Amino acid sequence: MRPSRWQWIVAAAVIAACGCSKLTYENWQTIQVGSASQDLVKATLGEPWKTVDGTWVYNDPDRHITAMVKFSDDKVIGKEWADAERGMETVGEQPDQPGESERLRIQEIR
């Protein structure tokens, strides 16, 4: 018995909803320093986990990934990627780290 059209549609929706994170190194690489806008970054990487003084922070503790994108006047002026496989990579101006007035805490709960 062949799967019906509806079974294919449901299967595709489940696959899309379950494991397709936008936060990938390949997507991060497509963000161009100097030209990418906040809307383009949001479309490429999704909603940021946190924002800190013009820097968007993305975090995926399950995959041990942290990415940051720094903006000035709605344009990307720097970005940073960190994961266990590639280490840390910075392009353009280094994104702001949380300062004295705000602390960024990442806690993995098991």
N, C-alpha and C. Protein backbone atom coordinates (compact mmCIF):
# COMPACT_ATOMS: atom_id res chain seq x y z
N MET A 1 0.84 -1.18 0.00
CA MET A 1 0.00 0.00 0.00
C MET A 1 0.88 1.25 0.00
N ARG A 2 0.63 2.13 -0.91
CA ARG A 2 1.40 3.36 -1.01
C ARG A 2 0.85 4.42 -0.06
N PRO A 3 1.76 5.26 0.52
CA PRO A 3 1.28 6.34 1.39
C PRO A 3 0.44 7.34 0.59
N SER A 4 -0.60 7.85 1.21
CA SER A 4 -1.45 8.85 0.56
C SER A 4 -0.76 10.21 0.58
N ARG A 5 -1.32 11.11 -0.18
CA ARG A 5 -0.78 12.48 -0.23
C ARG A 5 -0.79 13.10 1.17
N TRP A 6 -1.86 12.88 1.93
CA TRP A 6 -1.96 13.44 3.28
C TRP A 6 -0.91 12.86 4.22
N GLN A 7 -0.60 11.59 4.08
CA GLN A 7 0.45 10.99 4.90
C GLN A 7 1.80 11.62 4.61
N TRP A 8 2.07 11.91 3.34
CA TRP A 8 3.32 12.60 2.98
C TRP A 8 3.36 14.01 3.57
N ILE A 9 2.25 14.71 3.50
CA ILE A 9 2.19 16.07 4.04
C ILE A 9 2.40 16.06 5.55
N VAL A 10 1.74 15.15 6.24
CA VAL A 10 1.92 15.04 7.69
C VAL A 10 3.36 14.67 8.04
N ALA A 11 3.94 13.73 7.31
CA ALA A 11 5.33 13.33 7.57
C ALA A 11 6.29 14.50 7.36
N ALA A 12 6.08 15.27 6.31
CA ALA A 12 6.94 16.43 6.05
C ALA A 12 6.79 17.48 7.15
N ALA A 13 5.57 17.70 7.62
CA ALA A 13 5.35 18.67 8.69
C ALA A 13 6.01 18.24 9.99
N VAL A 14 5.94 16.96 10.30
CA VAL A 14 6.57 16.45 11.52
C VAL A 14 8.09 16.60 11.45
N ILE A 15 8.67 16.27 10.31
CA ILE A 15 10.11 16.40 10.14
C ILE A 15 10.52 17.87 10.26
N ALA A 16 9.76 18.76 9.65
CA ALA A 16 10.08 20.18 9.71
C ALA A 16 9.98 20.72 11.12
N ALA A 17 9.01 20.26 11.88
CA ALA A 17 8.79 20.78 13.23
C ALA A 17 9.77 20.21 14.25
N CYS A 18 10.26 19.02 14.02
CA CYS A 18 11.04 18.33 15.04
C CYS A 18 12.52 18.70 15.07
N GLY A 19 13.19 18.61 13.95
CA GLY A 19 14.63 18.69 14.05
C GLY A 19 15.30 19.71 13.17
N CYS A 20 14.60 20.71 12.74
CA CYS A 20 15.19 21.65 11.80
C CYS A 20 15.47 22.98 12.48
N SER A 21 16.55 23.05 13.20
CA SER A 21 16.93 24.30 13.84
C SER A 21 17.57 25.21 12.80
N LYS A 22 17.23 26.47 12.85
CA LYS A 22 17.86 27.45 11.96
C LYS A 22 19.27 27.78 12.41
N LEU A 23 19.59 27.50 13.67
CA LEU A 23 20.90 27.84 14.22
C LEU A 23 21.93 26.80 13.77
N THR A 24 22.48 27.03 12.57
CA THR A 24 23.52 26.16 12.04
C THR A 24 24.70 27.01 11.63
N TYR A 25 25.85 26.40 11.58
CA TYR A 25 27.07 27.10 11.15
C TYR A 25 26.90 27.59 9.71
N GLU A 26 26.31 26.78 8.87
CA GLU A 26 26.12 27.15 7.47
C GLU A 26 25.23 28.39 7.35
N ASN A 27 24.14 28.45 8.12
CA ASN A 27 23.29 29.64 8.11
C ASN A 27 24.03 30.85 8.65
N TRP A 28 24.78 30.66 9.73
CA TRP A 28 25.56 31.75 10.33
C TRP A 28 26.55 32.32 9.32
N GLN A 29 27.18 31.46 8.54
CA GLN A 29 28.15 31.91 7.54
C GLN A 29 27.52 32.81 6.48
N THR A 30 26.24 32.63 6.18
CA THR A 30 25.61 33.42 5.12
C THR A 30 25.33 34.86 5.54
N ILE A 31 25.42 35.16 6.82
CA ILE A 31 25.17 36.53 7.31
C ILE A 31 26.39 37.38 6.99
N GLN A 32 26.17 38.41 6.19
CA GLN A 32 27.26 39.26 5.73
C GLN A 32 27.45 40.47 6.64
N VAL A 33 28.66 40.60 7.20
CA VAL A 33 28.99 41.76 8.02
C VAL A 33 28.98 42.99 7.12
N GLY A 34 28.31 44.04 7.57
CA GLY A 34 28.25 45.30 6.83
C GLY A 34 26.99 45.46 6.00
N SER A 35 26.29 44.37 5.74
CA SER A 35 25.11 44.53 4.89
C SER A 35 23.86 43.85 5.44
N ALA A 36 23.99 42.80 6.23
CA ALA A 36 22.81 42.08 6.71
C ALA A 36 22.03 42.94 7.71
N SER A 37 20.70 42.87 7.62
CA SER A 37 19.83 43.61 8.53
C SER A 37 19.32 42.69 9.64
N GLN A 38 18.68 43.29 10.63
CA GLN A 38 18.10 42.51 11.72
C GLN A 38 17.03 41.56 11.18
N ASP A 39 16.23 42.02 10.23
CA ASP A 39 15.19 41.16 9.65
C ASP A 39 15.80 39.95 8.95
N LEU A 40 16.89 40.17 8.22
CA LEU A 40 17.54 39.06 7.53
C LEU A 40 18.14 38.07 8.52
N VAL A 41 18.75 38.57 9.58
CA VAL A 41 19.33 37.69 10.60
C VAL A 41 18.24 36.87 11.27
N LYS A 42 17.13 37.51 11.59
CA LYS A 42 16.01 36.80 12.22
C LYS A 42 15.46 35.73 11.28
N ALA A 43 15.37 36.03 9.98
CA ALA A 43 14.90 35.04 9.02
C ALA A 43 15.89 33.90 8.85
N THR A 44 17.18 34.19 9.02
CA THR A 44 18.22 33.19 8.81
C THR A 44 18.44 32.31 10.04
N LEU A 45 18.52 32.93 11.23
CA LEU A 45 18.84 32.19 12.45
C LEU A 45 17.66 32.00 13.39
N GLY A 46 16.59 32.72 13.17
CA GLY A 46 15.44 32.65 14.07
C GLY A 46 15.50 33.74 15.13
N GLU A 47 14.61 33.64 16.08
CA GLU A 47 14.56 34.61 17.19
C GLU A 47 15.78 34.43 18.09
N PRO A 48 16.41 35.52 18.51
CA PRO A 48 17.54 35.37 19.44
C PRO A 48 17.06 34.89 20.81
N TRP A 49 17.93 34.22 21.50
CA TRP A 49 17.64 33.75 22.86
C TRP A 49 17.63 34.94 23.81
N LYS A 50 18.54 35.91 23.58
CA LYS A 50 18.67 37.07 24.45
C LYS A 50 19.28 38.21 23.64
N THR A 51 18.99 39.44 24.01
CA THR A 51 19.64 40.60 23.41
C THR A 51 20.36 41.38 24.50
N VAL A 52 21.58 41.82 24.18
CA VAL A 52 22.40 42.56 25.14
C VAL A 52 23.05 43.72 24.40
N ASP A 53 22.59 44.95 24.64
CA ASP A 53 23.20 46.16 24.09
C ASP A 53 23.56 46.04 22.61
N GLY A 54 22.60 45.77 21.76
CA GLY A 54 22.85 45.71 20.32
C GLY A 54 23.43 44.39 19.84
N THR A 55 23.57 43.43 20.72
CA THR A 55 24.08 42.12 20.34
C THR A 55 22.99 41.08 20.58
N TRP A 56 22.73 40.28 19.57
CA TRP A 56 21.78 39.18 19.69
C TRP A 56 22.54 37.92 20.02
N VAL A 57 22.07 37.21 21.04
CA VAL A 57 22.72 35.98 21.49
C VAL A 57 21.82 34.80 21.15
N TYR A 58 22.41 33.81 20.51
CA TYR A 58 21.72 32.56 20.19
C TYR A 58 22.40 31.45 20.98
N ASN A 59 21.62 30.55 21.55
CA ASN A 59 22.18 29.49 22.37
C ASN A 59 21.40 28.20 22.16
N ASP A 60 22.14 27.13 21.95
CA ASP A 60 21.54 25.80 21.87
C ASP A 60 22.37 24.88 22.75
N PRO A 61 22.01 24.77 24.04
CA PRO A 61 22.82 23.97 24.96
C PRO A 61 22.86 22.49 24.62
N ASP A 62 21.82 21.98 23.97
CA ASP A 62 21.81 20.56 23.60
C ASP A 62 22.89 20.24 22.58
N ARG A 63 23.17 21.19 21.69
CA ARG A 63 24.21 20.98 20.67
C ARG A 63 25.49 21.73 21.01
N HIS A 64 25.54 22.36 22.17
CA HIS A 64 26.71 23.11 22.64
C HIS A 64 27.13 24.19 21.63
N ILE A 65 26.15 24.99 21.23
CA ILE A 65 26.38 26.06 20.27
C ILE A 65 25.99 27.39 20.89
N THR A 66 26.87 28.39 20.70
CA THR A 66 26.55 29.77 21.04
C THR A 66 26.95 30.63 19.85
N ALA A 67 26.05 31.51 19.44
CA ALA A 67 26.35 32.44 18.36
C ALA A 67 25.90 33.82 18.79
N MET A 68 26.64 34.84 18.34
CA MET A 68 26.27 36.21 18.63
C MET A 68 26.37 37.03 17.36
N VAL A 69 25.47 38.00 17.23
CA VAL A 69 25.49 38.91 16.09
C VAL A 69 25.36 40.31 16.65
N LYS A 70 26.31 41.19 16.29
CA LYS A 70 26.33 42.57 16.79
C LYS A 70 25.83 43.51 15.71
N PHE A 71 24.94 44.43 16.11
CA PHE A 71 24.34 45.38 15.17
C PHE A 71 24.71 46.82 15.53
N SER A 72 24.73 47.66 14.50
CA SER A 72 24.79 49.10 14.65
C SER A 72 23.96 49.68 13.51
N ASP A 73 22.98 50.52 13.83
CA ASP A 73 22.08 51.10 12.83
C ASP A 73 21.46 50.03 11.93
N ASP A 74 20.96 48.96 12.53
CA ASP A 74 20.27 47.86 11.85
C ASP A 74 21.15 47.10 10.85
N LYS A 75 22.46 47.23 10.95
CA LYS A 75 23.37 46.47 10.09
C LYS A 75 24.30 45.64 10.97
N VAL A 76 24.64 44.45 10.49
CA VAL A 76 25.56 43.58 11.22
C VAL A 76 26.96 44.17 11.11
N ILE A 77 27.59 44.37 12.27
CA ILE A 77 28.97 44.87 12.27
C ILE A 77 29.95 43.84 12.81
N GLY A 78 29.41 42.74 13.34
CA GLY A 78 30.27 41.66 13.82
C GLY A 78 29.44 40.45 14.18
N LYS A 79 30.11 39.29 14.16
CA LYS A 79 29.41 38.06 14.53
C LYS A 79 30.42 37.08 15.09
N GLU A 80 29.91 36.16 15.90
CA GLU A 80 30.78 35.18 16.55
C GLU A 80 30.05 33.84 16.62
N TRP A 81 30.79 32.76 16.39
CA TRP A 81 30.25 31.40 16.46
C TRP A 81 31.14 30.59 17.38
N ALA A 82 30.55 29.78 18.24
CA ALA A 82 31.33 28.89 19.10
C ALA A 82 30.61 27.57 19.23
N ASP A 83 31.33 26.49 18.93
CA ASP A 83 30.82 25.15 19.18
C ASP A 83 32.00 24.22 19.43
N ALA A 84 31.70 23.03 19.88
CA ALA A 84 32.75 22.09 20.25
C ALA A 84 33.54 21.60 19.04
N GLU A 85 32.91 21.52 17.89
CA GLU A 85 33.56 21.02 16.69
C GLU A 85 34.52 22.04 16.06
N ARG A 86 34.10 23.30 15.97
CA ARG A 86 34.88 24.32 15.27
C ARG A 86 35.63 25.27 16.20
N GLY A 87 35.31 25.26 17.46
CA GLY A 87 35.90 26.24 18.37
C GLY A 87 35.18 27.56 18.23
N MET A 88 35.93 28.67 18.31
CA MET A 88 35.34 29.99 18.24
C MET A 88 35.82 30.71 16.99
N GLU A 89 34.89 31.37 16.32
CA GLU A 89 35.21 32.13 15.11
C GLU A 89 34.52 33.48 15.20
N THR A 90 35.29 34.54 14.98
CA THR A 90 34.75 35.90 15.02
C THR A 90 35.00 36.57 13.68
N VAL A 91 33.99 37.27 13.17
CA VAL A 91 34.10 38.01 11.92
C VAL A 91 33.65 39.44 12.21
N GLY A 92 34.45 40.42 11.79
CA GLY A 92 34.10 41.82 12.02
C GLY A 92 34.36 42.20 13.47
N GLU A 93 33.62 43.19 13.93
CA GLU A 93 33.78 43.68 15.29
C GLU A 93 33.29 42.62 16.28
N GLN A 94 34.05 42.42 17.34
CA GLN A 94 33.68 41.39 18.31
C GLN A 94 32.39 41.79 19.03
N PRO A 95 31.43 40.87 19.07
CA PRO A 95 30.18 41.16 19.78
C PRO A 95 30.42 41.48 21.25
N ASP A 96 29.58 42.37 21.79
CA ASP A 96 29.70 42.76 23.20
C ASP A 96 29.44 41.57 24.10
N GLN A 97 30.28 41.44 25.09
CA GLN A 97 30.05 40.45 26.13
C GLN A 97 29.24 41.13 27.22
N PRO A 98 28.47 40.40 27.97
CA PRO A 98 27.71 41.03 29.05
C PRO A 98 28.64 41.75 30.02
N GLY A 99 28.26 42.95 30.41
CA GLY A 99 29.12 43.75 31.29
C GLY A 99 28.72 43.63 32.75
N GLU A 100 29.19 44.58 33.54
CA GLU A 100 28.93 44.59 34.97
C GLU A 100 27.44 44.72 35.27
N SER A 101 26.73 45.48 34.42
CA SER A 101 25.32 45.74 34.72
C SER A 101 24.42 44.56 34.37
N GLU A 102 24.89 43.67 33.53
CA GLU A 102 24.06 42.54 33.15
C GLU A 102 24.94 41.31 33.03
N ARG A 103 24.51 40.26 33.64
CA ARG A 103 25.25 39.00 33.57
C ARG A 103 24.45 38.01 32.76
N LEU A 104 25.14 37.30 31.92
CA LEU A 104 24.50 36.30 31.09
C LEU A 104 24.80 34.96 31.69
N ARG A 105 23.76 34.24 32.11
CA ARG A 105 23.93 32.94 32.74
C ARG A 105 23.31 31.88 31.86
N ILE A 106 24.11 30.90 31.53
CA ILE A 106 23.62 29.76 30.77
C ILE A 106 23.77 28.55 31.65
N GLN A 107 22.66 27.88 31.91
CA GLN A 107 22.67 26.73 32.78
C GLN A 107 22.01 25.57 32.06
N GLU A 108 22.70 24.45 32.06
CA GLU A 108 22.14 23.26 31.46
C GLU A 108 21.48 22.44 32.55
N ILE A 109 20.21 22.14 32.35
CA ILE A 109 19.46 21.36 33.33
C ILE A 109 19.27 19.96 32.77
N ARG A 110 19.67 18.99 33.52
CA ARG A 110 19.54 17.60 33.07
C ARG A 110 18.51 16.89 33.89
